[in-house]
Full PDB file with SEQRES, HELIX, SHEET, SSBOND, CRYST1, ORIGX, SCALE, CONECT and MASTER records, all heavy atoms in Angstrom:
SEQRES   1 A   41  ARG ILE VAL TRP LEU THR PRO ALA MET ASP ARG ILE TRP          
SEQRES   2 A   41  THR GLU GLY ALA ASP GLY ARG ARG ARG PHE LEU ASP ARG          
SEQRES   3 A   41  ILE ALA MET SER PHE GLU PRO ASN HIS ALA GLU ALA VAL          
SEQRES   4 A   41  LEU ASP                                                      
HELIX    1 AA1 PRO A    7  ARG A   11  5                                   5    
HELIX    2 AA2 ALA A   17  PHE A   31  1                                  15    
HELIX    3 AA3 HIS A   35  LEU A   40  1                                   6    
CRYST1    1.000    1.000    1.000  90.00  90.00  90.00 P 1           1          
ORIGX1      1.000000  0.000000  0.000000        0.00000                         
ORIGX2      0.000000  1.000000  0.000000        0.00000                         
ORIGX3      0.000000  0.000000  1.000000        0.00000                         
SCALE1      1.000000  0.000000  0.000000        0.00000                         
SCALE2      0.000000  1.000000  0.000000        0.00000                         
SCALE3      0.000000  0.000000  1.000000        0.00000                         
ATOM      1  N   ARG A   1       0.947  -1.180  -0.025  1.00  0.00           N  
ATOM      2  CA  ARG A   1      -0.009   0.061  -0.082  1.00  0.00           C  
ATOM      3  C   ARG A   1       0.903   1.136  -0.070  1.00  0.00           C  
ATOM      4  O   ARG A   1       1.788   1.227   0.812  1.00  0.00           O  
ATOM      5  CB  ARG A   1      -0.907   0.021   1.287  1.00  0.00           C  
ATOM      6  CG  ARG A   1      -1.822  -1.291   1.372  1.00  0.00           C  
ATOM      7  CD  ARG A   1      -2.595  -1.511   0.155  1.00  0.00           C  
ATOM      8  NE  ARG A   1      -3.325  -2.826   0.253  1.00  0.00           N  
ATOM      9  CZ  ARG A   1      -4.475  -3.134   0.675  1.00  0.00           C  
ATOM     10  NH1 ARG A   1      -5.096  -2.036   1.287  1.00  0.00           N  
ATOM     11  NH2 ARG A   1      -4.991  -4.256   0.666  1.00  0.00           N  
ATOM     12  N   ILE A   2       0.699   2.091  -1.000  1.00  0.00           N  
ATOM     13  CA  ILE A   2       1.560   3.246  -1.128  1.00  0.00           C  
ATOM     14  C   ILE A   2       0.735   4.706  -1.240  1.00  0.00           C  
ATOM     15  O   ILE A   2      -0.209   4.544  -2.016  1.00  0.00           O  
ATOM     16  CB  ILE A   2       2.526   3.100  -2.410  1.00  0.00           C  
ATOM     17  CG1 ILE A   2       3.373   1.883  -2.300  1.00  0.00           C  
ATOM     18  CG2 ILE A   2       3.346   4.291  -2.623  1.00  0.00           C  
ATOM     19  CD1 ILE A   2       4.116   1.543  -3.531  1.00  0.00           C  
ATOM     20  N   VAL A   3       0.917   5.529  -0.412  1.00  0.00           N  
ATOM     21  CA  VAL A   3       0.380   6.775  -0.336  1.00  0.00           C  
ATOM     22  C   VAL A   3       1.159   7.986  -0.684  1.00  0.00           C  
ATOM     23  O   VAL A   3       2.356   7.911  -0.231  1.00  0.00           O  
ATOM     24  CB  VAL A   3      -0.348   7.003   0.999  1.00  0.00           C  
ATOM     25  CG1 VAL A   3      -0.942   8.358   1.139  1.00  0.00           C  
ATOM     26  CG2 VAL A   3      -1.429   5.814   1.196  1.00  0.00           C  
ATOM     27  N   TRP A   4       0.791   8.987  -1.529  1.00  0.00           N  
ATOM     28  CA  TRP A   4       1.739   9.944  -1.885  1.00  0.00           C  
ATOM     29  C   TRP A   4       1.128  11.331  -1.781  1.00  0.00           C  
ATOM     30  O   TRP A   4       0.013  11.466  -1.782  1.00  0.00           O  
ATOM     31  CB  TRP A   4       2.444   9.786  -3.167  1.00  0.00           C  
ATOM     32  CG  TRP A   4       1.543   9.603  -4.389  1.00  0.00           C  
ATOM     33  CD1 TRP A   4       0.830  10.593  -5.066  1.00  0.00           C  
ATOM     34  CD2 TRP A   4       1.257   8.384  -5.115  1.00  0.00           C  
ATOM     35  NE1 TRP A   4       0.175  10.113  -6.010  1.00  0.00           N  
ATOM     36  CE2 TRP A   4       0.436   8.704  -6.164  1.00  0.00           C  
ATOM     37  CE3 TRP A   4       1.688   7.099  -4.820  1.00  0.00           C  
ATOM     38  CZ2 TRP A   4       0.078   7.830  -6.998  1.00  0.00           C  
ATOM     39  CZ3 TRP A   4       1.145   6.122  -5.795  1.00  0.00           C  
ATOM     40  CH2 TRP A   4       0.432   6.546  -6.904  1.00  0.00           C  
ATOM     41  N   LEU A   5       2.046  12.286  -1.725  1.00  0.00           N  
ATOM     42  CA  LEU A   5       1.579  13.789  -1.697  1.00  0.00           C  
ATOM     43  C   LEU A   5       2.665  14.477  -2.516  1.00  0.00           C  
ATOM     44  O   LEU A   5       3.830  14.346  -2.165  1.00  0.00           O  
ATOM     45  CB  LEU A   5       1.666  14.354  -0.262  1.00  0.00           C  
ATOM     46  CG  LEU A   5       1.170  15.854  -0.032  1.00  0.00           C  
ATOM     47  CD1 LEU A   5      -0.173  15.909  -0.575  1.00  0.00           C  
ATOM     48  CD2 LEU A   5       1.323  16.147   1.439  1.00  0.00           C  
ATOM     49  N   THR A   6       2.141  15.208  -3.489  1.00  0.00           N  
ATOM     50  CA  THR A   6       3.166  15.952  -4.471  1.00  0.00           C  
ATOM     51  C   THR A   6       2.769  17.429  -4.381  1.00  0.00           C  
ATOM     52  O   THR A   6       1.773  17.860  -4.122  1.00  0.00           O  
ATOM     53  CB  THR A   6       2.926  15.398  -5.833  1.00  0.00           C  
ATOM     54  OG1 THR A   6       1.671  15.697  -6.434  1.00  0.00           O  
ATOM     55  CG2 THR A   6       3.079  13.831  -5.990  1.00  0.00           C  
ATOM     56  N   PRO A   7       3.753  18.163  -4.902  1.00  0.00           N  
ATOM     57  CA  PRO A   7       3.486  19.704  -4.853  1.00  0.00           C  
ATOM     58  C   PRO A   7       2.274  19.994  -5.679  1.00  0.00           C  
ATOM     59  O   PRO A   7       1.482  21.071  -5.314  1.00  0.00           O  
ATOM     60  CB  PRO A   7       4.701  20.231  -5.515  1.00  0.00           C  
ATOM     61  CG  PRO A   7       5.795  19.327  -5.054  1.00  0.00           C  
ATOM     62  CD  PRO A   7       5.143  17.868  -5.242  1.00  0.00           C  
ATOM     63  N   ALA A   8       1.973  19.339  -6.738  1.00  0.00           N  
ATOM     64  CA  ALA A   8       0.826  19.579  -7.578  1.00  0.00           C  
ATOM     65  C   ALA A   8      -0.475  19.487  -6.766  1.00  0.00           C  
ATOM     66  O   ALA A   8      -1.461  20.120  -6.997  1.00  0.00           O  
ATOM     67  CB  ALA A   8       0.889  18.759  -8.733  1.00  0.00           C  
ATOM     68  N   MET A   9      -0.503  18.561  -5.741  1.00  0.00           N  
ATOM     69  CA  MET A   9      -1.637  18.319  -5.026  1.00  0.00           C  
ATOM     70  C   MET A   9      -1.996  19.620  -4.102  1.00  0.00           C  
ATOM     71  O   MET A   9      -2.935  19.581  -3.410  1.00  0.00           O  
ATOM     72  CB  MET A   9      -1.538  17.051  -4.214  1.00  0.00           C  
ATOM     73  CG  MET A   9      -1.522  15.876  -5.208  1.00  0.00           C  
ATOM     74  SD  MET A   9      -0.929  14.239  -4.468  1.00  0.00           S  
ATOM     75  CE  MET A   9      -2.112  14.016  -3.206  1.00  0.00           C  
ATOM     76  N   ASP A  10      -0.912  20.398  -3.820  1.00  0.00           N  
ATOM     77  CA  ASP A  10      -1.122  21.584  -2.863  1.00  0.00           C  
ATOM     78  C   ASP A  10      -2.301  22.331  -3.377  1.00  0.00           C  
ATOM     79  O   ASP A  10      -2.863  23.141  -2.628  1.00  0.00           O  
ATOM     80  CB  ASP A  10       0.123  22.383  -2.742  1.00  0.00           C  
ATOM     81  CG  ASP A  10       1.270  21.662  -2.047  1.00  0.00           C  
ATOM     82  OD1 ASP A  10       1.001  20.594  -1.481  1.00  0.00           O  
ATOM     83  OD2 ASP A  10       2.409  22.178  -2.080  1.00  0.00           O  
ATOM     84  N   ARG A  11      -2.596  22.327  -4.543  1.00  0.00           N  
ATOM     85  CA  ARG A  11      -3.624  23.178  -5.288  1.00  0.00           C  
ATOM     86  C   ARG A  11      -4.883  22.633  -5.272  1.00  0.00           C  
ATOM     87  O   ARG A  11      -5.944  23.189  -5.876  1.00  0.00           O  
ATOM     88  CB  ARG A  11      -3.245  23.648  -6.683  1.00  0.00           C  
ATOM     89  CG  ARG A  11      -1.927  24.303  -6.618  1.00  0.00           C  
ATOM     90  CD  ARG A  11      -1.497  24.959  -7.972  1.00  0.00           C  
ATOM     91  NE  ARG A  11      -1.346  23.909  -9.055  1.00  0.00           N  
ATOM     92  CZ  ARG A  11      -0.136  23.224  -9.369  1.00  0.00           C  
ATOM     93  NH1 ARG A  11       0.850  23.655  -8.705  1.00  0.00           N  
ATOM     94  NH2 ARG A  11      -0.212  22.414 -10.257  1.00  0.00           N  
ATOM     95  N   ILE A  12      -5.154  21.399  -4.784  1.00  0.00           N  
ATOM     96  CA  ILE A  12      -6.494  20.615  -5.091  1.00  0.00           C  
ATOM     97  C   ILE A  12      -7.611  21.353  -4.376  1.00  0.00           C  
ATOM     98  O   ILE A  12      -8.719  21.206  -4.977  1.00  0.00           O  
ATOM     99  CB  ILE A  12      -6.387  19.226  -4.582  1.00  0.00           C  
ATOM    100  CG1 ILE A  12      -6.320  19.071  -3.050  1.00  0.00           C  
ATOM    101  CG2 ILE A  12      -5.288  18.382  -5.337  1.00  0.00           C  
ATOM    102  CD1 ILE A  12      -6.600  17.613  -2.611  1.00  0.00           C  
ATOM    103  N   TRP A  13      -7.381  22.135  -3.331  1.00  0.00           N  
ATOM    104  CA  TRP A  13      -8.502  22.715  -2.706  1.00  0.00           C  
ATOM    105  C   TRP A  13      -8.982  24.026  -3.460  1.00  0.00           C  
ATOM    106  O   TRP A  13     -10.089  24.582  -3.073  1.00  0.00           O  
ATOM    107  CB  TRP A  13      -8.155  23.143  -1.309  1.00  0.00           C  
ATOM    108  CG  TRP A  13      -7.595  22.032  -0.339  1.00  0.00           C  
ATOM    109  CD1 TRP A  13      -6.515  22.048   0.247  1.00  0.00           C  
ATOM    110  CD2 TRP A  13      -8.334  20.809  -0.220  1.00  0.00           C  
ATOM    111  NE1 TRP A  13      -6.463  20.772   0.899  1.00  0.00           N  
ATOM    112  CE2 TRP A  13      -7.467  20.014   0.643  1.00  0.00           C  
ATOM    113  CE3 TRP A  13      -9.491  20.181  -0.582  1.00  0.00           C  
ATOM    114  CZ2 TRP A  13      -7.848  18.804   1.062  1.00  0.00           C  
ATOM    115  CZ3 TRP A  13      -9.861  18.939  -0.172  1.00  0.00           C  
ATOM    116  CH2 TRP A  13      -9.020  18.216   0.629  1.00  0.00           C  
ATOM    117  N   THR A  14      -8.222  24.577  -4.362  1.00  0.00           N  
ATOM    118  CA  THR A  14      -8.543  25.752  -5.060  1.00  0.00           C  
ATOM    119  C   THR A  14      -8.754  25.620  -6.541  1.00  0.00           C  
ATOM    120  O   THR A  14      -9.246  26.588  -7.158  1.00  0.00           O  
ATOM    121  CB  THR A  14      -7.355  26.894  -4.874  1.00  0.00           C  
ATOM    122  OG1 THR A  14      -6.163  26.341  -5.359  1.00  0.00           O  
ATOM    123  CG2 THR A  14      -7.096  27.232  -3.434  1.00  0.00           C  
ATOM    124  N   GLU A  15      -8.457  24.345  -6.991  1.00  0.00           N  
ATOM    125  CA  GLU A  15      -8.637  24.059  -8.448  1.00  0.00           C  
ATOM    126  C   GLU A  15      -9.882  23.258  -8.737  1.00  0.00           C  
ATOM    127  O   GLU A  15     -10.709  23.151  -7.804  1.00  0.00           O  
ATOM    128  CB  GLU A  15      -7.407  23.394  -9.111  1.00  0.00           C  
ATOM    129  CG  GLU A  15      -6.207  24.340  -9.154  1.00  0.00           C  
ATOM    130  CD  GLU A  15      -5.013  23.805  -9.756  1.00  0.00           C  
ATOM    131  OE1 GLU A  15      -5.011  22.484  -9.981  1.00  0.00           O  
ATOM    132  OE2 GLU A  15      -4.050  24.572 -10.237  1.00  0.00           O  
ATOM    133  N   GLY A  16      -9.924  22.681  -9.910  1.00  0.00           N  
ATOM    134  CA  GLY A  16     -11.343  22.029 -10.201  1.00  0.00           C  
ATOM    135  C   GLY A  16     -11.433  20.714  -9.427  1.00  0.00           C  
ATOM    136  O   GLY A  16     -10.475  20.170  -8.879  1.00  0.00           O  
ATOM    137  N   ALA A  17     -12.658  20.123  -9.552  1.00  0.00           N  
ATOM    138  CA  ALA A  17     -12.980  18.899  -8.798  1.00  0.00           C  
ATOM    139  C   ALA A  17     -12.248  17.603  -9.295  1.00  0.00           C  
ATOM    140  O   ALA A  17     -12.077  16.678  -8.551  1.00  0.00           O  
ATOM    141  CB  ALA A  17     -14.466  18.720  -8.900  1.00  0.00           C  
ATOM    142  N   ASP A  18     -11.693  17.776 -10.568  1.00  0.00           N  
ATOM    143  CA  ASP A  18     -11.069  16.515 -11.016  1.00  0.00           C  
ATOM    144  C   ASP A  18      -9.912  16.173 -10.212  1.00  0.00           C  
ATOM    145  O   ASP A  18      -9.679  14.925  -9.960  1.00  0.00           O  
ATOM    146  CB  ASP A  18     -10.672  16.928 -12.505  1.00  0.00           C  
ATOM    147  CG  ASP A  18     -10.043  15.734 -13.221  1.00  0.00           C  
ATOM    148  OD1 ASP A  18     -10.777  14.740 -13.374  1.00  0.00           O  
ATOM    149  OD2 ASP A  18      -8.826  15.734 -13.605  1.00  0.00           O  
ATOM    150  N   GLY A  19      -9.130  16.975  -9.751  1.00  0.00           N  
ATOM    151  CA  GLY A  19      -7.936  16.685  -8.847  1.00  0.00           C  
ATOM    152  C   GLY A  19      -8.431  16.090  -7.584  1.00  0.00           C  
ATOM    153  O   GLY A  19      -7.683  15.285  -7.053  1.00  0.00           O  
ATOM    154  N   ARG A  20      -9.520  16.532  -7.055  1.00  0.00           N  
ATOM    155  CA  ARG A  20      -9.962  16.120  -5.675  1.00  0.00           C  
ATOM    156  C   ARG A  20     -10.476  14.678  -5.936  1.00  0.00           C  
ATOM    157  O   ARG A  20     -10.403  13.764  -5.005  1.00  0.00           O  
ATOM    158  CB  ARG A  20     -10.993  17.031  -5.135  1.00  0.00           C  
ATOM    159  CG  ARG A  20     -10.411  18.347  -4.695  1.00  0.00           C  
ATOM    160  CD  ARG A  20     -11.446  19.264  -3.951  1.00  0.00           C  
ATOM    161  NE  ARG A  20     -12.422  19.853  -4.894  1.00  0.00           N  
ATOM    162  CZ  ARG A  20     -12.250  20.985  -5.541  1.00  0.00           C  
ATOM    163  NH1 ARG A  20     -11.150  21.562  -5.498  1.00  0.00           N  
ATOM    164  NH2 ARG A  20     -13.263  21.401  -6.460  1.00  0.00           N  
ATOM    165  N   ARG A  21     -11.180  14.396  -6.974  1.00  0.00           N  
ATOM    166  CA  ARG A  21     -11.653  13.100  -7.318  1.00  0.00           C  
ATOM    167  C   ARG A  21     -10.410  12.069  -7.395  1.00  0.00           C  
ATOM    168  O   ARG A  21     -10.435  11.022  -6.840  1.00  0.00           O  
ATOM    169  CB  ARG A  21     -12.456  13.020  -8.591  1.00  0.00           C  
ATOM    170  CG  ARG A  21     -13.828  13.553  -8.289  1.00  0.00           C  
ATOM    171  CD  ARG A  21     -14.745  13.140  -9.545  1.00  0.00           C  
ATOM    172  NE  ARG A  21     -14.249  13.662 -10.790  1.00  0.00           N  
ATOM    173  CZ  ARG A  21     -14.614  14.916 -11.252  1.00  0.00           C  
ATOM    174  NH1 ARG A  21     -15.430  15.608 -10.507  1.00  0.00           N  
ATOM    175  NH2 ARG A  21     -14.114  15.377 -12.430  1.00  0.00           N  
ATOM    176  N   ARG A  22      -9.346  12.448  -8.080  1.00  0.00           N  
ATOM    177  CA  ARG A  22      -8.132  11.712  -8.311  1.00  0.00           C  
ATOM    178  C   ARG A  22      -7.452  11.441  -6.848  1.00  0.00           C  
ATOM    179  O   ARG A  22      -7.129  10.260  -6.551  1.00  0.00           O  
ATOM    180  CB  ARG A  22      -7.202  12.279  -9.183  1.00  0.00           C  
ATOM    181  CG  ARG A  22      -7.500  12.296 -10.634  1.00  0.00           C  
ATOM    182  CD  ARG A  22      -6.284  12.397 -11.632  1.00  0.00           C  
ATOM    183  NE  ARG A  22      -5.713  13.687 -11.300  1.00  0.00           N  
ATOM    184  CZ  ARG A  22      -6.046  14.688 -12.077  1.00  0.00           C  
ATOM    185  NH1 ARG A  22      -6.960  14.789 -12.884  1.00  0.00           N  
ATOM    186  NH2 ARG A  22      -5.464  15.852 -11.819  1.00  0.00           N  
ATOM    187  N   PHE A  23      -7.522  12.396  -6.007  1.00  0.00           N  
ATOM    188  CA  PHE A  23      -6.989  12.346  -4.791  1.00  0.00           C  
ATOM    189  C   PHE A  23      -7.695  11.363  -3.932  1.00  0.00           C  
ATOM    190  O   PHE A  23      -7.203  10.344  -3.296  1.00  0.00           O  
ATOM    191  CB  PHE A  23      -6.931  13.718  -4.039  1.00  0.00           C  
ATOM    192  CG  PHE A  23      -6.474  13.701  -2.573  1.00  0.00           C  
ATOM    193  CD1 PHE A  23      -5.219  13.437  -2.284  1.00  0.00           C  
ATOM    194  CD2 PHE A  23      -7.390  14.031  -1.686  1.00  0.00           C  
ATOM    195  CE1 PHE A  23      -4.824  13.385  -1.018  1.00  0.00           C  
ATOM    196  CE2 PHE A  23      -7.034  14.019  -0.278  1.00  0.00           C  
ATOM    197  CZ  PHE A  23      -5.699  13.793   0.011  1.00  0.00           C  
ATOM    198  N   LEU A  24      -8.965  11.454  -3.883  1.00  0.00           N  
ATOM    199  CA  LEU A  24      -9.946  10.561  -3.187  1.00  0.00           C  
ATOM    200  C   LEU A  24      -9.848   9.126  -3.683  1.00  0.00           C  
ATOM    201  O   LEU A  24      -9.777   8.051  -3.040  1.00  0.00           O  
ATOM    202  CB  LEU A  24     -11.320  10.972  -3.316  1.00  0.00           C  
ATOM    203  CG  LEU A  24     -12.271  10.247  -2.366  1.00  0.00           C  
ATOM    204  CD1 LEU A  24     -11.909  10.041  -0.900  1.00  0.00           C  
ATOM    205  CD2 LEU A  24     -13.701  10.841  -2.482  1.00  0.00           C  
ATOM    206  N   ASP A  25      -9.878   9.013  -5.194  1.00  0.00           N  
ATOM    207  CA  ASP A  25      -9.687   7.616  -5.704  1.00  0.00           C  
ATOM    208  C   ASP A  25      -8.396   6.828  -5.348  1.00  0.00           C  
ATOM    209  O   ASP A  25      -8.396   5.671  -5.243  1.00  0.00           O  
ATOM    210  CB  ASP A  25      -9.853   7.711  -7.243  1.00  0.00           C  
ATOM    211  CG  ASP A  25     -11.308   8.011  -7.660  1.00  0.00           C  
ATOM    212  OD1 ASP A  25     -12.234   7.638  -6.875  1.00  0.00           O  
ATOM    213  OD2 ASP A  25     -11.548   8.396  -8.703  1.00  0.00           O  
ATOM    214  N   ARG A  26      -7.339   7.601  -5.222  1.00  0.00           N  
ATOM    215  CA  ARG A  26      -6.076   7.044  -4.845  1.00  0.00           C  
ATOM    216  C   ARG A  26      -6.283   6.548  -3.423  1.00  0.00           C  
ATOM    217  O   ARG A  26      -5.773   5.394  -3.035  1.00  0.00           O  
ATOM    218  CB  ARG A  26      -4.944   8.047  -4.805  1.00  0.00           C  
ATOM    219  CG  ARG A  26      -4.332   8.196  -6.221  1.00  0.00           C  
ATOM    220  CD  ARG A  26      -3.784   7.038  -6.873  1.00  0.00           C  
ATOM    221  NE  ARG A  26      -2.843   6.192  -5.957  1.00  0.00           N  
ATOM    222  CZ  ARG A  26      -2.235   5.097  -6.279  1.00  0.00           C  
ATOM    223  NH1 ARG A  26      -2.514   4.506  -7.471  1.00  0.00           N  
ATOM    224  NH2 ARG A  26      -1.567   4.298  -5.530  1.00  0.00           N  
ATOM    225  N   ILE A  27      -6.964   7.332  -2.557  1.00  0.00           N  
ATOM    226  CA  ILE A  27      -7.174   6.754  -1.089  1.00  0.00           C  
ATOM    227  C   ILE A  27      -8.063   5.591  -1.205  1.00  0.00           C  
ATOM    228  O   ILE A  27      -7.793   4.652  -0.495  1.00  0.00           O  
ATOM    229  CB  ILE A  27      -7.791   7.968  -0.179  1.00  0.00           C  
ATOM    230  CG1 ILE A  27      -6.720   9.071  -0.047  1.00  0.00           C  
ATOM    231  CG2 ILE A  27      -8.277   7.441   0.993  1.00  0.00           C  
ATOM    232  CD1 ILE A  27      -7.184  10.314   0.578  1.00  0.00           C  
ATOM    233  N   ALA A  28      -9.193   5.611  -1.939  1.00  0.00           N  
ATOM    234  CA  ALA A  28     -10.047   4.474  -1.949  1.00  0.00           C  
ATOM    235  C   ALA A  28      -9.353   3.256  -2.529  1.00  0.00           C  
ATOM    236  O   ALA A  28      -9.506   2.177  -1.943  1.00  0.00           O  
ATOM    237  CB  ALA A  28     -11.240   4.943  -2.877  1.00  0.00           C  
ATOM    238  N   MET A  29      -8.406   3.397  -3.516  1.00  0.00           N  
ATOM    239  CA  MET A  29      -7.602   2.344  -4.033  1.00  0.00           C  
ATOM    240  C   MET A  29      -6.638   1.737  -2.998  1.00  0.00           C  
ATOM    241  O   MET A  29      -6.370   0.493  -2.972  1.00  0.00           O  
ATOM    242  CB  MET A  29      -6.881   2.711  -5.222  1.00  0.00           C  
ATOM    243  CG  MET A  29      -6.253   1.491  -6.098  1.00  0.00           C  
ATOM    244  SD  MET A  29      -5.203   2.160  -7.451  1.00  0.00           S  
ATOM    245  CE  MET A  29      -6.213   3.425  -8.228  1.00  0.00           C  
ATOM    246  N   SER A  30      -6.219   2.597  -2.123  1.00  0.00           N  
ATOM    247  CA  SER A  30      -5.335   2.170  -1.071  1.00  0.00           C  
ATOM    248  C   SER A  30      -6.015   1.151  -0.084  1.00  0.00           C  
ATOM    249  O   SER A  30      -5.542   0.299   0.442  1.00  0.00           O  
ATOM    250  CB  SER A  30      -4.728   3.143  -0.216  1.00  0.00           C  
ATOM    251  OG  SER A  30      -5.551   3.927   0.599  1.00  0.00           O  
ATOM    252  N   PHE A  31      -7.432   1.574   0.176  1.00  0.00           N  
ATOM    253  CA  PHE A  31      -8.260   0.700   1.017  1.00  0.00           C  
ATOM    254  C   PHE A  31      -8.747  -0.543   0.297  1.00  0.00           C  
ATOM    255  O   PHE A  31      -8.861  -1.674   0.788  1.00  0.00           O  
ATOM    256  CB  PHE A  31      -9.435   1.408   1.538  1.00  0.00           C  
ATOM    257  CG  PHE A  31      -9.120   2.510   2.604  1.00  0.00           C  
ATOM    258  CD1 PHE A  31      -9.400   3.802   2.453  1.00  0.00           C  
ATOM    259  CD2 PHE A  31      -8.326   2.194   3.716  1.00  0.00           C  
ATOM    260  CE1 PHE A  31      -9.138   4.828   3.337  1.00  0.00           C  
ATOM    261  CE2 PHE A  31      -8.063   3.173   4.735  1.00  0.00           C  
ATOM    262  CZ  PHE A  31      -8.303   4.448   4.492  1.00  0.00           C  
ATOM    263  N   GLU A  32      -9.004  -0.383  -1.100  1.00  0.00           N  
ATOM    264  CA  GLU A  32      -9.708  -1.429  -1.898  1.00  0.00           C  
ATOM    265  C   GLU A  32      -9.054  -1.460  -3.208  1.00  0.00           C  
ATOM    266  O   GLU A  32      -9.444  -0.633  -4.059  1.00  0.00           O  
ATOM    267  CB  GLU A  32     -11.238  -1.118  -1.957  1.00  0.00           C  
ATOM    268  CG  GLU A  32     -11.959  -2.175  -2.889  1.00  0.00           C  
ATOM    269  CD  GLU A  32     -11.745  -3.571  -2.551  1.00  0.00           C  
ATOM    270  OE1 GLU A  32     -12.175  -4.075  -1.421  1.00  0.00           O  
ATOM    271  OE2 GLU A  32     -10.940  -4.245  -3.384  1.00  0.00           O  
ATOM    272  N   PRO A  33      -7.963  -2.359  -3.487  1.00  0.00           N  
ATOM    273  CA  PRO A  33      -7.313  -2.325  -4.670  1.00  0.00           C  
ATOM    274  C   PRO A  33      -8.244  -2.417  -5.872  1.00  0.00           C  
ATOM    275  O   PRO A  33      -8.001  -1.960  -6.984  1.00  0.00           O  
ATOM    276  CB  PRO A  33      -6.309  -3.397  -4.563  1.00  0.00           C  
ATOM    277  CG  PRO A  33      -6.188  -3.515  -3.086  1.00  0.00           C  
ATOM    278  CD  PRO A  33      -7.428  -3.290  -2.508  1.00  0.00           C  
ATOM    279  N   ASN A  34      -9.453  -3.031  -5.826  1.00  0.00           N  
ATOM    280  CA  ASN A  34     -10.353  -3.322  -6.962  1.00  0.00           C  
ATOM    281  C   ASN A  34     -11.016  -2.036  -7.273  1.00  0.00           C  
ATOM    282  O   ASN A  34     -11.708  -2.149  -8.315  1.00  0.00           O  
ATOM    283  CB  ASN A  34     -11.346  -4.452  -6.513  1.00  0.00           C  
ATOM    284  CG  ASN A  34     -10.675  -5.830  -6.566  1.00  0.00           C  
ATOM    285  OD1 ASN A  34      -9.722  -6.072  -7.298  1.00  0.00           O  
ATOM    286  ND2 ASN A  34     -11.179  -6.758  -5.821  1.00  0.00           N  
ATOM    287  N   HIS A  35     -10.915  -0.953  -6.515  1.00  0.00           N  
ATOM    288  CA  HIS A  35     -11.608   0.270  -6.746  1.00  0.00           C  
ATOM    289  C   HIS A  35     -11.184   0.756  -8.239  1.00  0.00           C  
ATOM    290  O   HIS A  35     -11.791   1.405  -8.987  1.00  0.00           O  
ATOM    291  CB  HIS A  35     -11.188   1.371  -5.748  1.00  0.00           C  
ATOM    292  CG  HIS A  35     -11.844   2.717  -6.026  1.00  0.00           C  
ATOM    293  ND1 HIS A  35     -13.159   2.841  -5.969  1.00  0.00           N  
ATOM    294  CD2 HIS A  35     -11.274   3.863  -6.501  1.00  0.00           C  
ATOM    295  CE1 HIS A  35     -13.438   4.288  -6.181  1.00  0.00           C  
ATOM    296  NE2 HIS A  35     -12.367   4.756  -6.563  1.00  0.00           N  
ATOM    297  N   ALA A  36      -9.762   0.482  -8.607  1.00  0.00           N  
ATOM    298  CA  ALA A  36      -9.275   0.946  -9.837  1.00  0.00           C  
ATOM    299  C   ALA A  36     -10.069   0.438 -10.923  1.00  0.00           C  
ATOM    300  O   ALA A  36     -10.288   1.035 -12.022  1.00  0.00           O  
ATOM    301  CB  ALA A  36      -7.756   0.589  -9.884  1.00  0.00           C  
ATOM    302  N   GLU A  37     -10.378  -0.897 -10.821  1.00  0.00           N  
ATOM    303  CA  GLU A  37     -11.099  -1.615 -11.857  1.00  0.00           C  
ATOM    304  C   GLU A  37     -12.534  -0.985 -12.037  1.00  0.00           C  
ATOM    305  O   GLU A  37     -13.064  -0.955 -13.133  1.00  0.00           O  
ATOM    306  CB  GLU A  37     -11.300  -2.950 -11.571  1.00  0.00           C  
ATOM    307  CG  GLU A  37      -9.794  -3.778 -11.732  1.00  0.00           C  
ATOM    308  CD  GLU A  37     -10.071  -5.334 -11.422  1.00  0.00           C  
ATOM    309  OE1 GLU A  37     -11.080  -5.796 -11.142  1.00  0.00           O  
ATOM    310  OE2 GLU A  37      -8.967  -5.867 -11.512  1.00  0.00           O  
ATOM    311  N   ALA A  38     -13.108  -0.655 -10.876  1.00  0.00           N  
ATOM    312  CA  ALA A  38     -14.576  -0.098 -10.897  1.00  0.00           C  
ATOM    313  C   ALA A  38     -14.535   1.193 -11.615  1.00  0.00           C  
ATOM    314  O   ALA A  38     -15.359   1.552 -12.507  1.00  0.00           O  
ATOM    315  CB  ALA A  38     -15.046   0.098  -9.530  1.00  0.00           C  
ATOM    316  N   VAL A  39     -13.491   2.068 -11.442  1.00  0.00           N  
ATOM    317  CA  VAL A  39     -13.273   3.409 -12.024  1.00  0.00           C  
ATOM    318  C   VAL A  39     -13.087   3.118 -13.545  1.00  0.00           C  
ATOM    319  O   VAL A  39     -13.719   3.859 -14.329  1.00  0.00           O  
ATOM    320  CB  VAL A  39     -12.110   4.189 -11.343  1.00  0.00           C  
ATOM    321  CG1 VAL A  39     -11.844   5.416 -12.218  1.00  0.00           C  
ATOM    322  CG2 VAL A  39     -12.493   4.529 -10.007  1.00  0.00           C  
ATOM    323  N   LEU A  40     -12.156   2.238 -13.862  1.00  0.00           N  
ATOM    324  CA  LEU A  40     -11.994   1.977 -15.246  1.00  0.00           C  
ATOM    325  C   LEU A  40     -13.182   1.519 -16.074  1.00  0.00           C  
ATOM    326  O   LEU A  40     -13.475   1.926 -17.045  1.00  0.00           O  
ATOM    327  CB  LEU A  40     -10.704   1.088 -15.418  1.00  0.00           C  
ATOM    328  CG  LEU A  40      -9.415   1.608 -15.072  1.00  0.00           C  
ATOM    329  CD1 LEU A  40      -8.408   0.407 -15.131  1.00  0.00           C  
ATOM    330  CD2 LEU A  40      -8.964   2.776 -16.015  1.00  0.00           C  
ATOM    331  N   ASP A  41     -13.959   0.513 -15.400  1.00  0.00           N  
ATOM    332  CA  ASP A  41     -15.178   0.124 -15.969  1.00  0.00           C  
ATOM    333  C   ASP A  41     -16.123   1.247 -16.246  1.00  0.00           C  
ATOM    334  O   ASP A  41     -16.848   1.299 -17.262  1.00  0.00           O  
ATOM    335  CB  ASP A  41     -15.699  -1.020 -15.170  1.00  0.00           C  
ATOM    336  CG  ASP A  41     -14.897  -2.193 -15.158  1.00  0.00           C  
ATOM    337  OD1 ASP A  41     -14.172  -2.428 -16.028  1.00  0.00           O  
ATOM    338  OD2 ASP A  41     -15.232  -3.119 -14.349  1.00  0.00           O  
TER     339      ASP A  41                                                      
MASTER        0    0    0    3    0    0    0    6  338    1    0    4          
END                                                                             
């Protein structure tokens, strides 16, 4: 299980919802690896 924080993520609270969804989906994937398949499907 790998979790990360990058400088680009510093702006997620002020930019569009797309970045926040990706941030949350990475967290969801860390709890449930099959989440990636559900997103792709």
